[in-house]
Amino acid sequence: MCEVKLKFFGYLSDLSEEVPTVLSATTPTQIRSKLAIKFPKLASELHSPSLLLAVNKIIVNWDEPLEDGDEVAFLPPVTGG
């Protein structure tokens, strides 16, 4: 398993205040599954179809293989005017 850094943006940052900043996982899907155990509300929000996922600042899908030291960012939709 790889140690990856987690970043949450927008309203997800409020839901992730107690989430560790580093987690062991091989894919983003595995991260979401692990978070569901202790942080079910956050994990539920991570299932949103409008959520974007980035690994090392590149948008990827949930099956993306992770490597040690990767930064995984969860990006909810942004509105503004």
Protein backbone atom coordinates (compact mmCIF):
# COMPACT_ATOMS: atom_id res chain seq x y z
CA MET A 1 0.00 0.00 0.00
CA CYS A 2 1.06 3.55 -0.69
CA GLU A 3 1.05 6.46 1.71
CA VAL A 4 -0.82 9.32 0.01
CA LYS A 5 -1.64 12.88 1.08
CA LEU A 6 -5.29 13.90 1.14
CA LYS A 7 -6.67 17.36 0.35
CA PHE A 8 -10.31 18.37 0.50
CA PHE A 9 -11.62 21.59 -1.03
CA GLY A 10 -14.82 23.62 -0.72
CA TYR A 11 -17.48 22.31 1.62
CA LEU A 12 -15.59 19.00 1.83
CA SER A 13 -12.92 20.71 3.93
CA ASP A 14 -15.54 21.29 6.66
CA LEU A 15 -16.54 17.62 6.59
CA SER A 16 -12.92 16.44 6.69
CA GLU A 17 -11.59 18.38 9.69
CA GLU A 18 -10.84 15.16 11.63
CA VAL A 19 -9.63 13.11 8.66
CA PRO A 20 -5.93 12.25 8.72
CA THR A 21 -3.90 14.08 6.10
CA VAL A 22 -2.05 10.88 5.12
CA LEU A 23 -3.65 7.52 4.40
CA SER A 24 -2.56 4.15 3.00
CA ALA A 25 -4.39 3.18 -0.19
CA THR A 26 -3.83 1.83 -3.68
CA THR A 27 -6.70 3.67 -5.45
CA PRO A 28 -8.99 6.63 -4.74
CA THR A 29 -11.88 4.15 -4.48
CA GLN A 30 -10.05 2.49 -1.60
CA ILE A 31 -9.62 5.88 0.09
CA ARG A 32 -13.37 6.48 -0.13
CA SER A 33 -14.07 3.02 1.31
CA LYS A 34 -11.69 3.57 4.22
CA LEU A 35 -13.18 6.99 4.98
CA ALA A 36 -16.68 5.49 5.03
CA ILE A 37 -15.82 3.56 8.20
CA LYS A 38 -15.14 6.59 10.42
CA PHE A 39 -16.49 9.45 8.29
CA PRO A 40 -19.72 8.23 6.62
CA LYS A 41 -21.07 11.71 5.81
CA LEU A 42 -17.86 12.68 4.03
CA ALA A 43 -17.73 9.35 2.18
CA SER A 44 -21.32 9.84 1.08
CA GLU A 45 -20.44 13.24 -0.40
CA LEU A 46 -17.48 11.67 -2.23
CA HIS A 47 -19.99 9.60 -4.24
CA SER A 48 -21.38 12.76 -5.88
CA PRO A 49 -21.17 12.47 -9.68
CA SER A 50 -20.17 16.14 -9.95
CA LEU A 51 -17.12 15.69 -7.72
CA LEU A 52 -13.74 15.83 -9.45
CA LEU A 53 -10.74 13.89 -8.29
CA ALA A 54 -7.14 14.92 -8.91
CA VAL A 55 -3.91 13.05 -8.29
CA ASN A 56 -0.85 15.29 -8.33
CA LYS A 57 -3.01 18.08 -9.85
CA ILE A 58 -4.24 15.95 -12.76
CA ILE A 59 -7.92 15.00 -13.00
CA VAL A 60 -8.24 11.20 -12.87
CA ASN A 61 -10.89 8.52 -12.36
CA TRP A 62 -11.54 6.56 -9.17
CA ASP A 63 -9.59 3.51 -10.39
CA GLU A 64 -6.32 5.43 -10.82
CA PRO A 65 -3.43 3.49 -9.27
CA LEU A 66 -1.69 5.48 -6.57
CA GLU A 67 2.00 5.68 -5.79
CA ASP A 68 3.77 6.48 -2.55
CA GLY A 69 3.73 10.22 -1.89
CA ASP A 70 0.89 11.07 -4.31
CA GLU A 71 -1.38 13.98 -3.44
CA VAL A 72 -5.07 13.13 -3.82
CA ALA A 73 -7.43 16.12 -3.99
CA PHE A 74 -11.22 16.00 -3.84
CA LEU A 75 -12.80 18.91 -5.71
CA PRO A 76 -16.52 19.64 -5.36
CA PRO A 77 -18.32 21.80 -7.92
CA VAL A 78 -17.78 25.53 -7.50
CA THR A 79 -20.38 28.21 -8.08
CA GLY A 80 -19.89 31.90 -8.33
CA GLY A 81 -20.90 34.94 -10.18
